[in-house]
Structures are given as C-alpha cells and as structure tokens.
Amino acid sequence: MRRTPQIIVKQTEEWLDERWRILWMDNPPRQADLSYYNGAIKAVEFLGYSWKRDENGKHTIIKD
C-alpha cells in the first residue's frame, strides 16, 4: 500500500496523540518526554504545517 500524504498526516496525528498521552502519564511530566514531544511539534512546523490540539489531546495537522 502506498503511503499518500493524507495517510502520512493521519499517522503523524495519531503518533502525536500517543506522545501527548505518554507525556502526561507522569505528574509532573519527565523533561525527556517533554523535549521529545516539543521537537516533534517543531519538525511538523518546519515542514510547513500548522497544528492544533484539542482539550482531549487530539492533534490536527493542517498544511499551510
């Protein structure tokens, strides 16, 4: 199966959702998990996408 841009965006959104859940498994969050998540978000932005996260931790990625 070919990975289309739509599939890649969906998989990335799901991956970010998972990273967000992992980040908040510990209270307070571990610095390593926070850095990993923030680095992933910056990579998404660097590739020309915007993102948002709802109150439930669900991510949406939008091509600028």
Protein backbone atom coordinates (compact mmCIF):
# COMPACT_ATOMS: atom_id res chain seq x y z
CA MET A 1 0.00 0.00 0.00
CA ARG A 2 1.33 3.40 -0.99
CA ARG A 3 1.66 5.99 1.77
CA THR A 4 -0.14 9.05 0.44
CA PRO A 5 0.28 12.50 2.02
CA GLN A 6 -3.14 12.07 3.64
CA ILE A 7 -2.09 8.77 5.23
CA ILE A 8 1.17 10.29 6.46
CA VAL A 9 -0.69 13.22 8.06
CA LYS A 10 -3.17 10.86 9.75
CA GLN A 11 -0.38 8.63 11.07
CA THR A 12 1.53 11.67 12.33
CA GLU A 13 -1.57 12.99 14.12
CA GLU A 14 -2.06 9.61 15.81
CA TRP A 15 1.62 9.47 16.76
CA LEU A 16 1.45 12.97 18.30
CA ASP A 17 -1.69 11.93 20.23
CA GLU A 18 0.25 8.98 21.64
CA ARG A 19 3.28 11.13 22.52
CA TRP A 20 0.94 13.57 24.33
CA ARG A 21 -0.60 10.73 26.36
CA ILE A 22 2.85 9.39 27.26
CA LEU A 23 3.97 12.88 28.23
CA TRP A 24 1.20 13.19 30.82
CA MET A 25 1.47 9.66 32.26
CA ASP A 26 3.79 11.04 34.94
CA ASN A 27 2.97 14.07 37.03
CA PRO A 28 4.97 16.19 36.56
CA PRO A 29 6.00 15.17 33.04
CA ARG A 30 9.53 13.92 32.52
CA GLN A 31 11.77 16.50 30.86
CA ALA A 32 12.94 13.96 28.27
CA ASP A 33 9.35 13.23 27.19
CA LEU A 34 8.56 16.95 27.01
CA SER A 35 11.65 17.65 24.88
CA TYR A 36 10.82 14.75 22.55
CA TYR A 37 7.24 15.98 22.06
CA ASN A 38 8.31 19.61 21.53
CA GLY A 39 10.93 18.51 19.00
CA ALA A 40 8.30 16.58 17.06
CA ILE A 41 5.99 19.62 17.03
CA LYS A 42 8.82 21.84 15.76
CA ALA A 43 9.56 19.33 12.98
CA VAL A 44 5.91 19.46 11.89
CA GLU A 45 6.09 23.27 11.79
CA PHE A 46 9.44 23.19 9.94
CA LEU A 47 7.83 21.05 7.21
CA GLY A 48 5.24 23.78 6.58
CA TYR A 49 2.31 22.54 8.63
CA SER A 50 0.24 24.13 11.36
CA TRP A 51 -1.19 22.08 14.17
CA LYS A 52 -3.70 22.27 16.95
CA ARG A 53 -4.50 20.08 19.92
CA ASP A 54 -7.96 19.91 21.45
CA GLU A 55 -8.77 19.62 25.15
CA ASN A 56 -8.68 15.81 24.86
CA GLY A 57 -5.15 15.77 23.43
CA LYS A 58 -6.25 15.04 19.84
CA HIS A 59 -3.94 16.63 17.27
CA THR A 60 -4.89 18.05 13.89
CA ILE A 61 -2.25 18.91 11.29
CA ILE A 62 -3.03 21.45 8.55
CA LYS A 63 -0.86 22.21 5.51
CA ASP A 64 -0.11 25.95 5.34
